[in-house]
PDB file of N, CA and C in Angstrom:
ATOM      1  N   MET A   1       0.840  -1.168   0.000  1.00  0.00           N
ATOM      2  CA  MET A   1       0.000   0.000   0.000  1.00  0.00           C
ATOM      3  C   MET A   1       0.893   1.241   0.000  1.00  0.00           C
ATOM      4  N   SER A   2       0.643   2.156  -0.901  1.00  0.00           N
ATOM      5  CA  SER A   2       1.383   3.412  -0.988  1.00  0.00           C
ATOM      6  C   SER A   2       0.478   4.556  -0.586  1.00  0.00           C
ATOM      7  N   ARG A   3       1.031   5.510   0.142  1.00  0.00           N
ATOM      8  CA  ARG A   3       0.272   6.687   0.559  1.00  0.00           C
ATOM      9  C   ARG A   3       0.970   7.959   0.084  1.00  0.00           C
ATOM     10  N   SER A   4       0.150   8.914  -0.275  1.00  0.00           N
ATOM     11  CA  SER A   4       0.649  10.252  -0.562  1.00  0.00           C
ATOM     12  C   SER A   4       0.634  11.025   0.756  1.00  0.00           C
ATOM     13  N   SER A   5       1.407  12.079   0.861  1.00  0.00           N
ATOM     14  CA  SER A   5       1.434  12.865   2.089  1.00  0.00           C
ATOM     15  C   SER A   5       1.413  14.345   1.742  1.00  0.00           C
ATOM     16  N   THR A   6       0.387  15.053   2.223  1.00  0.00           N
ATOM     17  CA  THR A   6       0.251  16.482   1.983  1.00  0.00           C
ATOM     18  C   THR A   6       0.178  17.184   3.333  1.00  0.00           C
ATOM     19  N   ARG A   7       0.963  18.244   3.492  1.00  0.00           N
ATOM     20  CA  ARG A   7       0.978  18.998   4.746  1.00  0.00           C
ATOM     21  C   ARG A   7       0.691  20.471   4.483  1.00  0.00           C
ATOM     22  N   LEU A   8      -0.008  21.062   5.444  1.00  0.00           N
ATOM     23  CA  LEU A   8      -0.238  22.502   5.433  1.00  0.00           C
ATOM     24  C   LEU A   8       0.126  23.005   6.822  1.00  0.00           C
ATOM     25  N   LYS A   9       1.042  23.977   6.875  1.00  0.00           N
ATOM     26  CA  LYS A   9       1.476  24.503   8.161  1.00  0.00           C
ATOM     27  C   LYS A   9       1.280  26.010   8.180  1.00  0.00           C
ATOM     28  N   LEU A  10       0.662  26.498   9.255  1.00  0.00           N
ATOM     29  CA  LEU A  10       0.448  27.929   9.441  1.00  0.00           C
ATOM     30  C   LEU A  10       1.065  28.332  10.772  1.00  0.00           C
ATOM     31  N   VAL A  11       1.751  29.469  10.782  1.00  0.00           N
ATOM     32  CA  VAL A  11       2.356  29.990  12.008  1.00  0.00           C
ATOM     33  C   VAL A  11       2.018  31.475  12.100  1.00  0.00           C
ATOM     34  N   TYR A  12       1.568  31.896  13.290  1.00  0.00           N
ATOM     35  CA  TYR A  12       1.223  33.301  13.496  1.00  0.00           C
ATOM     36  C   TYR A  12       1.719  33.719  14.873  1.00  0.00           C
ATOM     37  N   SER A  13       2.358  34.871  14.956  1.00  0.00           N
ATOM     38  CA  SER A  13       2.821  35.405  16.233  1.00  0.00           C
ATOM     39  C   SER A  13       2.333  36.833  16.387  1.00  0.00           C
ATOM     40  N   TYR A  14       1.924  37.167  17.609  1.00  0.00           N
ATOM     41  CA  TYR A  14       1.498  38.526  17.924  1.00  0.00           C
ATOM     42  C   TYR A  14       1.899  38.810  19.365  1.00  0.00           C
ATOM     43  N   ARG A  15       2.825  39.710  19.516  1.00  0.00           N
ATOM     44  CA  ARG A  15       3.352  40.073  20.827  1.00  0.00           C
ATOM     45  C   ARG A  15       3.811  38.850  21.597  1.00  0.00           C
ATOM     46  N   VAL A  16       3.150  38.484  22.683  1.00  0.00           N
ATOM     47  CA  VAL A  16       3.603  37.355  23.517  1.00  0.00           C
ATOM     48  C   VAL A  16       2.937  36.034  23.136  1.00  0.00           C
ATOM     49  N   PHE A  17       2.044  36.040  22.142  1.00  0.00           N
ATOM     50  CA  PHE A  17       1.336  34.837  21.731  1.00  0.00           C
ATOM     51  C   PHE A  17       1.909  34.295  20.420  1.00  0.00           C
ATOM     52  N   SER A  18       1.955  32.981  20.308  1.00  0.00           N
ATOM     53  CA  SER A  18       2.268  32.375  19.024  1.00  0.00           C
ATOM     54  C   SER A  18       1.349  31.176  18.822  1.00  0.00           C
ATOM     55  N   LEU A  19       0.900  31.015  17.598  1.00  0.00           N
ATOM     56  CA  LEU A  19      -0.026  29.951  17.232  1.00  0.00           C
ATOM     57  C   LEU A  19       0.574  29.195  16.056  1.00  0.00           C
ATOM     58  N   SER A  20       0.583  27.873  16.177  1.00  0.00           N
ATOM     59  CA  SER A  20       1.100  27.026  15.104  1.00  0.00           C
ATOM     60  C   SER A  20       0.067  25.945  14.822  1.00  0.00           C
ATOM     61  N   ALA A  21      -0.273  25.753  13.560  1.00  0.00           N
ATOM     62  CA  ALA A  21      -1.245  24.728  13.174  1.00  0.00           C
ATOM     63  C   ALA A  21      -0.688  23.939  11.987  1.00  0.00           C
ATOM     64  N   THR A  22      -0.732  22.622  12.109  1.00  0.00           N
ATOM     65  CA  THR A  22      -0.267  21.741  11.044  1.00  0.00           C
ATOM     66  C   THR A  22      -1.350  20.724  10.732  1.00  0.00           C
ATOM     67  N   THR A  23      -1.679  20.574   9.459  1.00  0.00           N
ATOM     68  CA  THR A  23      -2.650  19.587   9.004  1.00  0.00           C
ATOM     69  C   THR A  23      -1.939  18.629   8.052  1.00  0.00           C
ATOM     70  N   LEU A  24      -2.163  17.333   8.264  1.00  0.00           N
ATOM     71  CA  LEU A  24      -1.543  16.297   7.450  1.00  0.00           C
ATOM     72  C   LEU A  24      -2.642  15.405   6.880  1.00  0.00           C
ATOM     73  N   TYR A  25      -2.582  15.154   5.578  1.00  0.00           N
ATOM     74  CA  TYR A  25      -3.560  14.291   4.903  1.00  0.00           C
ATOM     75  C   TYR A  25      -2.796  13.232   4.129  1.00  0.00           C
ATOM     76  N   GLN A  26      -3.095  11.947   4.394  1.00  0.00           N
ATOM     77  CA  GLN A  26      -2.391  10.843   3.745  1.00  0.00           C
ATOM     78  C   GLN A  26      -3.383   9.853   3.141  1.00  0.00           C
ATOM     79  N   PRO A  27      -3.777  10.049   1.881  1.00  0.00           N
ATOM     80  CA  PRO A  27      -4.665   9.070   1.244  1.00  0.00           C
ATOM     81  C   PRO A  27      -3.883   7.878   0.699  1.00  0.00           C
ATOM     82  N   ASN A  28      -4.538   6.733   0.665  1.00  0.00           N
ATOM     83  CA  ASN A  28      -4.008   5.547   0.001  1.00  0.00           C
ATOM     84  C   ASN A  28      -4.083   5.822  -1.501  1.00  0.00           C
ATOM     85  N   LEU A  29      -3.011   5.618  -2.225  1.00  0.00           N
ATOM     86  CA  LEU A  29      -2.998   5.939  -3.651  1.00  0.00           C
ATOM     87  C   LEU A  29      -3.862   5.003  -4.495  1.00  0.00           C
ATOM     88  N   GLN A  30      -4.120   3.791  -4.006  1.00  0.00           N
ATOM     89  CA  GLN A  30      -4.971   2.856  -4.749  1.00  0.00           C
ATOM     90  C   GLN A  30      -6.449   2.978  -4.360  1.00  0.00           C
ATOM     91  N   ASN A  31      -6.727   3.496  -3.158  1.00  0.00           N
ATOM     92  CA  ASN A  31      -8.103   3.583  -2.664  1.00  0.00           C
ATOM     93  C   ASN A  31      -8.228   4.859  -1.841  1.00  0.00           C
ATOM     94  N   THR A  32      -8.742   5.928  -2.432  1.00  0.00           N
ATOM     95  CA  THR A  32      -8.803   7.220  -1.743  1.00  0.00           C
ATOM     96  C   THR A  32      -9.791   7.237  -0.586  1.00  0.00           C
ATOM     97  N   ALA A  33     -10.659   6.235  -0.467  1.00  0.00           N
ATOM     98  CA  ALA A  33     -11.555   6.156   0.696  1.00  0.00           C
ATOM     99  C   ALA A  33     -10.789   5.726   1.952  1.00  0.00           C
ATOM    100  N   ASP A  34      -9.579   5.211   1.776  1.00  0.00           N
ATOM    101  CA  ASP A  34      -8.697   4.819   2.876  1.00  0.00           C
ATOM    102  C   ASP A  34      -7.695   5.953   3.077  1.00  0.00           C
ATOM    103  N   TYR A  35      -7.813   6.676   4.199  1.00  0.00           N
ATOM    104  CA  TYR A  35      -6.924   7.825   4.420  1.00  0.00           C
ATOM    105  C   TYR A  35      -6.683   8.049   5.909  1.00  0.00           C
ATOM    106  N   ARG A  36      -5.675   8.859   6.184  1.00  0.00           N
ATOM    107  CA  ARG A  36      -5.362   9.333   7.523  1.00  0.00           C
ATOM    108  C   ARG A  36      -5.350  10.856   7.481  1.00  0.00           C
ATOM    109  N   ALA A  37      -5.834  11.462   8.550  1.00  0.00           N
ATOM    110  CA  ALA A  37      -5.789  12.919   8.661  1.00  0.00           C
ATOM    111  C   ALA A  37      -5.391  13.277  10.089  1.00  0.00           C
ATOM    112  N   THR A  38      -4.509  14.259  10.224  1.00  0.00           N
ATOM    113  CA  THR A  38      -4.045  14.697  11.537  1.00  0.00           C
ATOM    114  C   THR A  38      -4.062  16.215  11.588  1.00  0.00           C
ATOM    115  N   GLN A  39      -4.527  16.750  12.718  1.00  0.00           N
ATOM    116  CA  GLN A  39      -4.497  18.188  12.965  1.00  0.00           C
ATOM    117  C   GLN A  39      -3.774  18.419  14.286  1.00  0.00           C
ATOM    118  N   LEU A  40      -2.766  19.276  14.279  1.00  0.00           N
ATOM    119  CA  LEU A  40      -1.989  19.591  15.476  1.00  0.00           C
ATOM    120  C   LEU A  40      -1.949  21.107  15.617  1.00  0.00           C
ATOM    121  N   THR A  41      -2.461  21.627  16.745  1.00  0.00           N
ATOM    122  CA  THR A  41      -2.506  23.066  16.985  1.00  0.00           C
ATOM    123  C   THR A  41      -1.846  23.371  18.319  1.00  0.00           C
ATOM    124  N   THR A  42      -0.925  24.333  18.323  1.00  0.00           N
ATOM    125  CA  THR A  42      -0.223  24.718  19.545  1.00  0.00           C
ATOM    126  C   THR A  42      -0.321  26.221  19.750  1.00  0.00           C
ATOM    127  N   LEU A  43      -0.669  26.607  20.970  1.00  0.00           N
ATOM    128  CA  LEU A  43      -0.713  28.011  21.367  1.00  0.00           C
ATOM    129  C   LEU A  43       0.307  28.196  22.483  1.00  0.00           C
ATOM    130  N   ALA A  44       1.161  29.209  22.350  1.00  0.00           N
ATOM    131  CA  ALA A  44       2.186  29.476  23.363  1.00  0.00           C
ATOM    132  C   ALA A  44       2.056  30.908  23.859  1.00  0.00           C
ATOM    133  N   LEU A  45       2.223  31.071  25.156  1.00  0.00           N
ATOM    134  CA  LEU A  45       2.238  32.381  25.798  1.00  0.00           C
ATOM    135  C   LEU A  45       3.641  32.567  26.379  1.00  0.00           C
ATOM    136  N   ARG A  46       4.402  33.490  25.775  1.00  0.00           N
ATOM    137  CA  ARG A  46       5.787  33.726  26.202  1.00  0.00           C
ATOM    138  C   ARG A  46       5.825  34.742  27.338  1.00  0.00           C
ATOM    139  N   PHE A  47       6.515  34.377  28.404  1.00  0.00           N
ATOM    140  CA  PHE A  47       6.723  35.310  29.510  1.00  0.00           C
ATOM    141  C   PHE A  47       8.073  36.013  29.381  1.00  0.00           C
ATOM    142  N   SER A  48       9.003  35.376  28.699  1.00  0.00           N
ATOM    143  CA  SER A  48      10.304  35.967  28.395  1.00  0.00           C
ATOM    144  C   SER A  48      10.815  35.271  27.137  1.00  0.00           C
ATOM    145  N   SER A  49      12.004  35.640  26.698  1.00  0.00           N
ATOM    146  CA  SER A  49      12.555  34.986  25.504  1.00  0.00           C
ATOM    147  C   SER A  49      12.903  33.528  25.775  1.00  0.00           C
ATOM    148  N   ARG A  50      12.982  33.140  27.050  1.00  0.00           N
ATOM    149  CA  ARG A  50      13.353  31.775  27.411  1.00  0.00           C
ATOM    150  C   ARG A  50      12.217  30.928  27.983  1.00  0.00           C
ATOM    151  N   PHE A  51      11.148  31.536  28.440  1.00  0.00           N
ATOM    152  CA  PHE A  51      10.116  30.812  29.179  1.00  0.00           C
ATOM    153  C   PHE A  51       8.733  31.025  28.569  1.00  0.00           C
ATOM    154  N   ALA A  52       7.990  29.923  28.369  1.00  0.00           N
ATOM    155  CA  ALA A  52       6.630  30.002  27.812  1.00  0.00           C
ATOM    156  C   ALA A  52       5.771  28.880  28.378  1.00  0.00           C
ATOM    157  N   ILE A  53       4.484  29.122  28.387  1.00  0.00           N
ATOM    158  CA  ILE A  53       3.499  28.079  28.695  1.00  0.00           C
ATOM    159  C   ILE A  53       2.828  27.718  27.381  1.00  0.00           C
ATOM    160  N   THR A  54       2.680  26.426  27.116  1.00  0.00           N
ATOM    161  CA  THR A  54       2.121  25.970  25.846  1.00  0.00           C
ATOM    162  C   THR A  54       0.899  25.082  26.071  1.00  0.00           C
ATOM    163  N   GLY A  55       0.018  25.112  25.111  1.00  0.00           N
ATOM    164  CA  GLY A  55      -1.125  24.212  25.080  1.00  0.00           C
ATOM    165  C   GLY A  55      -1.226  23.633  23.683  1.00  0.00           C
ATOM    166  N   THR A  56      -1.417  22.338  23.596  1.00  0.00           N
ATOM    167  CA  THR A  56      -1.472  21.665  22.294  1.00  0.00           C
ATOM    168  C   THR A  56      -2.719  20.799  22.197  1.00  0.00           C
ATOM    169  N   TYR A  57      -3.377  20.890  21.053  1.00  0.00           N
ATOM    170  CA  TYR A  57      -4.533  20.057  20.740  1.00  0.00           C
ATOM    171  C   TYR A  57      -4.160  19.213  19.523  1.00  0.00           C
ATOM    172  N   SER A  58      -4.343  17.893  19.635  1.00  0.00           N
ATOM    173  CA  SER A  58      -4.012  16.983  18.540  1.00  0.00           C
ATOM    174  C   SER A  58      -5.210  16.089  18.245  1.00  0.00           C
ATOM    175  N   TYR A  59      -5.546  15.983  16.960  1.00  0.00           N
ATOM    176  CA  TYR A  59      -6.651  15.118  16.527  1.00  0.00           C
ATOM    177  C   TYR A  59      -6.165  14.270  15.357  1.00  0.00           C
ATOM    178  N   THR A  60      -6.377  12.964  15.447  1.00  0.00           N
ATOM    179  CA  THR A  60      -5.993  12.046  14.377  1.00  0.00           C
ATOM    180  C   THR A  60      -7.186  11.185  13.998  1.00  0.00           C
ATOM    181  N   PHE A  61      -7.390  11.012  12.697  1.00  0.00           N
ATOM    182  CA  PHE A  61      -8.468  10.166  12.188  1.00  0.00           C
ATOM    183  C   PHE A  61      -7.877   9.176  11.195  1.00  0.00           C
ATOM    184  N   GLU A  62      -8.266   7.904  11.307  1.00  0.00           N
ATOM    185  CA  GLU A  62      -7.897   6.877  10.329  1.00  0.00           C
ATOM    186  C   GLU A  62      -9.172   6.206   9.858  1.00  0.00           C
ATOM    187  N   SER A  63      -9.365   6.159   8.552  1.00  0.00           N
ATOM    188  CA  SER A  63     -10.598   5.586   8.008  1.00  0.00           C
ATOM    189  C   SER A  63     -10.623   4.065   8.125  1.00  0.00           C
ATOM    190  N   ARG A  64      -9.435   3.448   8.211  1.00  0.00           N
ATOM    191  CA  ARG A  64      -9.369   1.991   8.301  1.00  0.00           C
ATOM    192  C   ARG A  64      -8.536   1.612   9.527  1.00  0.00           C
ATOM    193  N   VAL A  65      -9.171   0.922  10.477  1.00  0.00           N
ATOM    194  CA  VAL A  65      -8.476   0.512  11.707  1.00  0.00           C
ATOM    195  C   VAL A  65      -8.811  -0.945  12.003  1.00  0.00           C
ATOM    196  N   LEU A  66      -8.071  -1.529  12.935  1.00  0.00           N
ATOM    197  CA  LEU A  66      -8.354  -2.887  13.366  1.00  0.00           C
ATOM    198  C   LEU A  66      -9.683  -2.929  14.118  1.00  0.00           C
ATOM    199  N   GLU A  67     -10.363  -4.044  14.040  1.00  0.00           N
ATOM    200  CA  GLU A  67     -11.656  -4.196  14.693  1.00  0.00           C
ATOM    201  C   GLU A  67     -11.515  -3.939  16.193  1.00  0.00           C
ATOM    202  N   GLY A  68     -12.460  -3.170  16.718  1.00  0.00           N
ATOM    203  CA  GLY A  68     -12.459  -2.857  18.132  1.00  0.00           C
ATOM    204  C   GLY A  68     -11.696  -1.596  18.502  1.00  0.00           C
ATOM    205  N   LYS A  69     -10.960  -1.023  17.562  1.00  0.00           N
ATOM    206  CA  LYS A  69     -10.220   0.205  17.831  1.00  0.00           C
ATOM    207  C   LYS A  69     -11.014   1.399  17.306  1.00  0.00           C
ATOM    208  N   PRO A  70     -10.914   2.550  17.981  1.00  0.00           N
ATOM    209  CA  PRO A  70     -11.618   3.740  17.493  1.00  0.00           C
ATOM    210  C   PRO A  70     -10.950   4.304  16.232  1.00  0.00           C
ATOM    211  N   THR A  71     -11.742   4.997  15.420  1.00  0.00           N
ATOM    212  CA  THR A  71     -11.192   5.594  14.197  1.00  0.00           C
ATOM    213  C   THR A  71     -10.492   6.908  14.468  1.00  0.00           C
ATOM    214  N   ASP A  72     -10.769   7.527  15.613  1.00  0.00           N
ATOM    215  CA  ASP A  72     -10.132   8.812  15.892  1.00  0.00           C
ATOM    216  C   ASP A  72      -9.520   8.837  17.287  1.00  0.00           C
ATOM    217  N   ASN A  73      -8.634   9.821  17.477  1.00  0.00           N
ATOM    218  CA  ASN A  73      -7.925   9.983  18.740  1.00  0.00           C
ATOM    219  C   ASN A  73      -7.709  11.470  18.971  1.00  0.00           C
ATOM    220  N   THR A  74      -7.973  11.925  20.197  1.00  0.00           N
ATOM    221  CA  THR A  74      -7.797  13.332  20.556  1.00  0.00           C
ATOM    222  C   THR A  74      -6.902  13.428  21.787  1.00  0.00           C
ATOM    223  N   ASN A  75      -5.965  14.360  21.760  1.00  0.00           N
ATOM    224  CA  ASN A  75      -5.084  14.614  22.904  1.00  0.00           C
ATOM    225  C   ASN A  75      -5.008  16.114  23.158  1.00  0.00           C
ATOM    226  N   VAL A  76      -5.027  16.486  24.432  1.00  0.00           N
ATOM    227  CA  VAL A  76      -4.811  17.868  24.843  1.00  0.00           C
ATOM    228  C   VAL A  76      -3.651  17.850  25.835  1.00  0.00           C
ATOM    229  N   THR A  77      -2.665  18.700  25.602  1.00  0.00           N
ATOM    230  CA  THR A  77      -1.472  18.744  26.425  1.00  0.00           C
ATOM    231  C   THR A  77      -1.189  20.183  26.840  1.00  0.00           C
ATOM    232  N   VAL A  78      -0.861  20.385  28.102  1.00  0.00           N
ATOM    233  CA  VAL A  78      -0.451  21.699  28.603  1.00  0.00           C
ATOM    234  C   VAL A  78       0.945  21.521  29.178  1.00  0.00           C
ATOM    235  N   GLY A  79       1.841  22.447  28.859  1.00  0.00           N
ATOM    236  CA  GLY A  79       3.207  22.290  29.325  1.00  0.00           C
ATOM    237  C   GLY A  79       3.947  23.597  29.472  1.00  0.00           C
ATOM    238  N   VAL A  80       5.179  23.464  29.874  1.00  0.00           N
ATOM    239  CA  VAL A  80       6.085  24.597  30.063  1.00  0.00           C
ATOM    240  C   VAL A  80       7.277  24.405  29.134  1.00  0.00           C
ATOM    241  N   ALA A  81       7.686  25.469  28.481  1.00  0.00           N
ATOM    242  CA  ALA A  81       8.865  25.425  27.606  1.00  0.00           C
ATOM    243  C   ALA A  81       9.927  26.364  28.169  1.00  0.00           C
ATOM    244  N   PHE A  82      11.151  25.862  28.272  1.00  0.00           N
ATOM    245  CA  PHE A  82      12.270  26.663  28.734  1.00  0.00           C
ATOM    246  C   PHE A  82      13.441  26.465  27.788  1.00  0.00           C
ATOM    247  N   SER A  83      14.023  27.554  27.343  1.00  0.00           N
ATOM    248  CA  SER A  83      15.151  27.485  26.421  1.00  0.00           C
ATOM    249  C   SER A  83      16.402  28.013  27.119  1.00  0.00           C
ATOM    250  N   THR A  84      17.524  27.379  26.883  1.00  0.00           N
ATOM    251  CA  THR A  84      18.783  27.827  27.471  1.00  0.00           C
ATOM    252  C   THR A  84      19.528  28.797  26.570  1.00  0.00           C
ATOM    253  N   LYS A  85      19.025  29.013  25.375  1.00  0.00           N
ATOM    254  CA  LYS A  85      19.687  29.954  24.447  1.00  0.00           C
ATOM    255  C   LYS A  85      18.854  31.188  24.257  1.00  0.00           C
TER     256      LYS A  85
END
């Protein structure tokens, strides 16, 4: 099975906020009804050039999965980012 992979990435920053969104679409090249799609969105609030609080939302969908498994998955993550540079 061969899959194509298409990505769209958007990044926006305004003062202390930054928003990053990435969408990934992977259809099966022989059967377009069989595909994977992922959306990843991150919002960061910078308190300094080295320290930020981040929140990430991730959603994944697969049209074909093993029996008994869900077709989609959602994750929400909140964290702290610290840079030494």
